[in-house]
N, C-alpha and C. Protein backbone atom coordinates (compact mmCIF):
# COMPACT_ATOMS: atom_id res chain seq x y z
N UNK A 1 212.45 55.98 -32.57
CA UNK A 1 212.40 57.43 -32.47
C UNK A 1 211.29 58.00 -33.35
N UNK A 2 210.99 57.30 -34.46
CA UNK A 2 209.95 57.77 -35.37
C UNK A 2 208.59 57.72 -34.69
N UNK A 3 208.37 56.71 -33.85
CA UNK A 3 207.11 56.61 -33.13
C UNK A 3 206.91 57.78 -32.18
N UNK A 4 208.00 58.23 -31.53
CA UNK A 4 207.94 59.37 -30.63
C UNK A 4 207.58 60.64 -31.41
N UNK A 5 208.18 60.79 -32.59
CA UNK A 5 207.90 61.96 -33.42
C UNK A 5 206.42 61.99 -33.82
N UNK A 6 205.90 60.85 -34.22
CA UNK A 6 204.49 60.78 -34.62
C UNK A 6 203.57 61.07 -33.44
N UNK A 7 203.92 60.54 -32.27
CA UNK A 7 203.12 60.79 -31.07
C UNK A 7 203.10 62.28 -30.73
N UNK A 8 204.29 62.90 -30.72
CA UNK A 8 204.36 64.33 -30.40
C UNK A 8 203.63 65.17 -31.44
N UNK A 9 203.72 64.76 -32.71
CA UNK A 9 203.03 65.47 -33.77
C UNK A 9 201.51 65.43 -33.55
N UNK A 10 200.99 64.26 -33.18
CA UNK A 10 199.55 64.13 -32.91
C UNK A 10 199.14 65.00 -31.72
N UNK A 11 199.97 65.03 -30.69
CA UNK A 11 199.63 65.80 -29.50
C UNK A 11 199.64 67.30 -29.79
N UNK A 12 200.63 67.77 -30.54
CA UNK A 12 200.74 69.20 -30.85
C UNK A 12 199.58 69.65 -31.72
N UNK A 13 199.10 68.78 -32.59
CA UNK A 13 197.97 69.15 -33.46
C UNK A 13 196.69 69.40 -32.67
N UNK A 14 196.65 68.95 -31.43
CA UNK A 14 195.48 69.20 -30.57
C UNK A 14 195.45 70.63 -30.04
N UNK A 15 196.58 71.34 -30.13
CA UNK A 15 196.65 72.69 -29.59
C UNK A 15 195.74 73.64 -30.38
N UNK A 16 195.06 74.49 -29.67
CA UNK A 16 194.28 75.54 -30.31
C UNK A 16 195.18 76.77 -30.46
N UNK A 17 194.67 77.78 -31.11
CA UNK A 17 195.40 79.04 -31.27
C UNK A 17 195.72 79.63 -29.90
N UNK A 18 194.76 79.57 -28.98
CA UNK A 18 194.98 80.11 -27.63
C UNK A 18 196.10 79.35 -26.91
N UNK A 19 196.18 78.04 -27.11
CA UNK A 19 197.25 77.25 -26.49
C UNK A 19 198.62 77.70 -26.99
N UNK A 20 198.73 77.94 -28.27
CA UNK A 20 200.00 78.38 -28.85
C UNK A 20 200.37 79.75 -28.29
N UNK A 21 199.41 80.65 -28.20
CA UNK A 21 199.69 81.99 -27.66
C UNK A 21 200.07 81.92 -26.18
N UNK A 22 199.45 81.03 -25.43
CA UNK A 22 199.82 80.86 -24.03
C UNK A 22 201.26 80.33 -23.90
N UNK A 23 201.66 79.45 -24.80
CA UNK A 23 203.03 78.97 -24.79
C UNK A 23 204.01 80.09 -25.15
N UNK A 24 203.62 80.97 -26.04
CA UNK A 24 204.46 82.12 -26.36
C UNK A 24 204.60 83.03 -25.15
N UNK A 25 203.51 83.25 -24.44
CA UNK A 25 203.55 84.06 -23.23
C UNK A 25 204.43 83.40 -22.17
N UNK A 26 204.38 82.08 -22.08
CA UNK A 26 205.25 81.35 -21.17
C UNK A 26 206.72 81.61 -21.51
N UNK A 27 207.06 81.56 -22.78
CA UNK A 27 208.44 81.83 -23.19
C UNK A 27 208.88 83.24 -22.84
N UNK A 28 208.01 84.21 -23.08
CA UNK A 28 208.34 85.59 -22.74
C UNK A 28 208.50 85.75 -21.22
N UNK A 29 207.62 85.11 -20.46
CA UNK A 29 207.70 85.20 -19.00
C UNK A 29 208.99 84.56 -18.48
N UNK A 30 209.36 83.42 -19.05
CA UNK A 30 210.62 82.80 -18.64
C UNK A 30 211.81 83.68 -19.00
N UNK A 31 211.72 84.39 -20.10
CA UNK A 31 212.77 85.34 -20.47
C UNK A 31 212.90 86.46 -19.45
N UNK A 32 211.78 86.97 -18.98
CA UNK A 32 211.80 88.02 -17.96
C UNK A 32 212.41 87.49 -16.67
N UNK A 33 212.03 86.28 -16.27
CA UNK A 33 212.59 85.67 -15.06
C UNK A 33 214.10 85.51 -15.21
N UNK A 34 214.56 85.06 -16.38
CA UNK A 34 215.98 84.88 -16.62
C UNK A 34 216.73 86.21 -16.50
N UNK A 35 216.16 87.28 -17.06
CA UNK A 35 216.80 88.59 -16.97
C UNK A 35 216.83 89.09 -15.53
N UNK A 36 215.79 88.79 -14.77
CA UNK A 36 215.78 89.20 -13.36
C UNK A 36 216.84 88.44 -12.56
N UNK A 37 217.06 87.16 -12.91
CA UNK A 37 218.05 86.36 -12.20
C UNK A 37 219.48 86.67 -12.63
N UNK A 38 219.67 86.98 -13.92
CA UNK A 38 220.99 87.26 -14.47
C UNK A 38 220.94 88.59 -15.23
N UNK A 39 220.99 89.71 -14.50
CA UNK A 39 220.82 91.02 -15.16
C UNK A 39 221.92 91.37 -16.17
N UNK A 40 223.06 90.67 -16.14
CA UNK A 40 224.13 90.95 -17.09
C UNK A 40 223.72 90.64 -18.53
N UNK A 41 222.66 89.84 -18.69
CA UNK A 41 222.19 89.50 -20.03
C UNK A 41 221.78 90.76 -20.80
N UNK A 42 221.24 91.74 -20.10
CA UNK A 42 220.77 92.97 -20.74
C UNK A 42 221.94 93.78 -21.29
N UNK A 43 223.13 93.58 -20.74
CA UNK A 43 224.30 94.33 -21.18
C UNK A 43 224.90 93.82 -22.49
N UNK A 44 224.35 92.72 -23.03
CA UNK A 44 224.85 92.20 -24.29
C UNK A 44 224.55 93.18 -25.42
N UNK A 45 225.34 93.11 -26.46
CA UNK A 45 225.15 93.97 -27.63
C UNK A 45 223.80 93.70 -28.28
N UNK A 46 223.24 94.72 -28.88
CA UNK A 46 221.98 94.59 -29.61
C UNK A 46 222.10 93.54 -30.70
N UNK A 47 223.26 93.44 -31.33
CA UNK A 47 223.46 92.52 -32.44
C UNK A 47 223.35 91.06 -32.01
N UNK A 48 223.67 90.77 -30.76
CA UNK A 48 223.50 89.40 -30.26
C UNK A 48 222.02 89.03 -30.32
N UNK A 49 221.16 89.95 -29.92
CA UNK A 49 219.72 89.69 -29.93
C UNK A 49 219.17 89.65 -31.36
N UNK A 50 219.72 90.47 -32.24
CA UNK A 50 219.29 90.45 -33.64
C UNK A 50 219.65 89.11 -34.29
N UNK A 51 220.86 88.62 -34.06
CA UNK A 51 221.28 87.34 -34.61
C UNK A 51 220.44 86.21 -34.01
N UNK A 52 220.20 86.26 -32.71
CA UNK A 52 219.38 85.23 -32.06
C UNK A 52 217.96 85.21 -32.64
N UNK A 53 217.39 86.39 -32.86
CA UNK A 53 216.05 86.48 -33.44
C UNK A 53 216.04 85.90 -34.86
N UNK A 54 217.08 86.20 -35.64
CA UNK A 54 217.15 85.68 -37.01
C UNK A 54 217.29 84.16 -37.01
N UNK A 55 218.10 83.63 -36.11
CA UNK A 55 218.26 82.18 -36.02
C UNK A 55 216.95 81.50 -35.62
N UNK A 56 216.23 82.11 -34.68
CA UNK A 56 214.96 81.53 -34.24
C UNK A 56 213.88 81.62 -35.32
N UNK A 57 213.96 82.62 -36.18
CA UNK A 57 212.96 82.80 -37.22
C UNK A 57 213.24 81.99 -38.48
N UNK A 58 214.44 81.49 -38.64
CA UNK A 58 214.83 80.83 -39.88
C UNK A 58 213.96 79.60 -40.20
N UNK A 59 213.85 78.68 -39.29
CA UNK A 59 213.10 77.43 -39.54
C UNK A 59 211.61 77.71 -39.79
N UNK A 60 210.93 78.47 -38.92
CA UNK A 60 209.52 78.76 -39.20
C UNK A 60 209.30 79.46 -40.55
N UNK A 61 210.19 80.36 -40.92
CA UNK A 61 210.05 81.06 -42.20
C UNK A 61 210.23 80.10 -43.37
N UNK A 62 211.19 79.18 -43.26
CA UNK A 62 211.39 78.19 -44.32
C UNK A 62 210.17 77.30 -44.46
N UNK A 63 209.61 76.87 -43.35
CA UNK A 63 208.42 76.02 -43.41
C UNK A 63 207.26 76.79 -44.01
N UNK A 64 207.07 78.05 -43.59
CA UNK A 64 205.93 78.85 -44.04
C UNK A 64 206.04 79.16 -45.53
N UNK A 65 207.22 79.57 -45.99
CA UNK A 65 207.35 80.06 -47.36
C UNK A 65 207.82 79.01 -48.35
N UNK A 66 208.54 77.98 -47.91
CA UNK A 66 209.15 77.05 -48.85
C UNK A 66 208.54 75.66 -48.88
N UNK A 67 207.70 75.33 -47.92
CA UNK A 67 207.11 73.99 -47.87
C UNK A 67 205.86 73.96 -48.76
N UNK A 68 205.81 72.93 -49.61
CA UNK A 68 204.66 72.74 -50.49
C UNK A 68 203.48 72.24 -49.67
N UNK A 69 202.27 72.64 -50.03
CA UNK A 69 201.07 72.24 -49.31
C UNK A 69 200.88 70.72 -49.32
N UNK A 70 201.31 70.06 -50.37
CA UNK A 70 201.14 68.62 -50.50
C UNK A 70 202.03 67.84 -49.53
N UNK A 71 203.11 68.47 -49.04
CA UNK A 71 204.03 67.77 -48.17
C UNK A 71 203.45 67.49 -46.79
N UNK A 72 202.60 68.39 -46.26
CA UNK A 72 202.01 68.37 -44.96
C UNK A 72 202.01 67.08 -44.29
């Protein structure tokens, strides 16, 4: 499994800034498609989306603010 992690790490490092932004646009587009297919998702409470956003932001924020440069 470690070999797979190293392989994926090498492949992801090839991404440019534009590639990352295109992947973000892909995620947003898939979200729109999901809402069009299942419109009941929009009826969820605002707090469900706030909690989901916080959960999604937790790992990147920890890496950005708490990871030492030497660990890279």
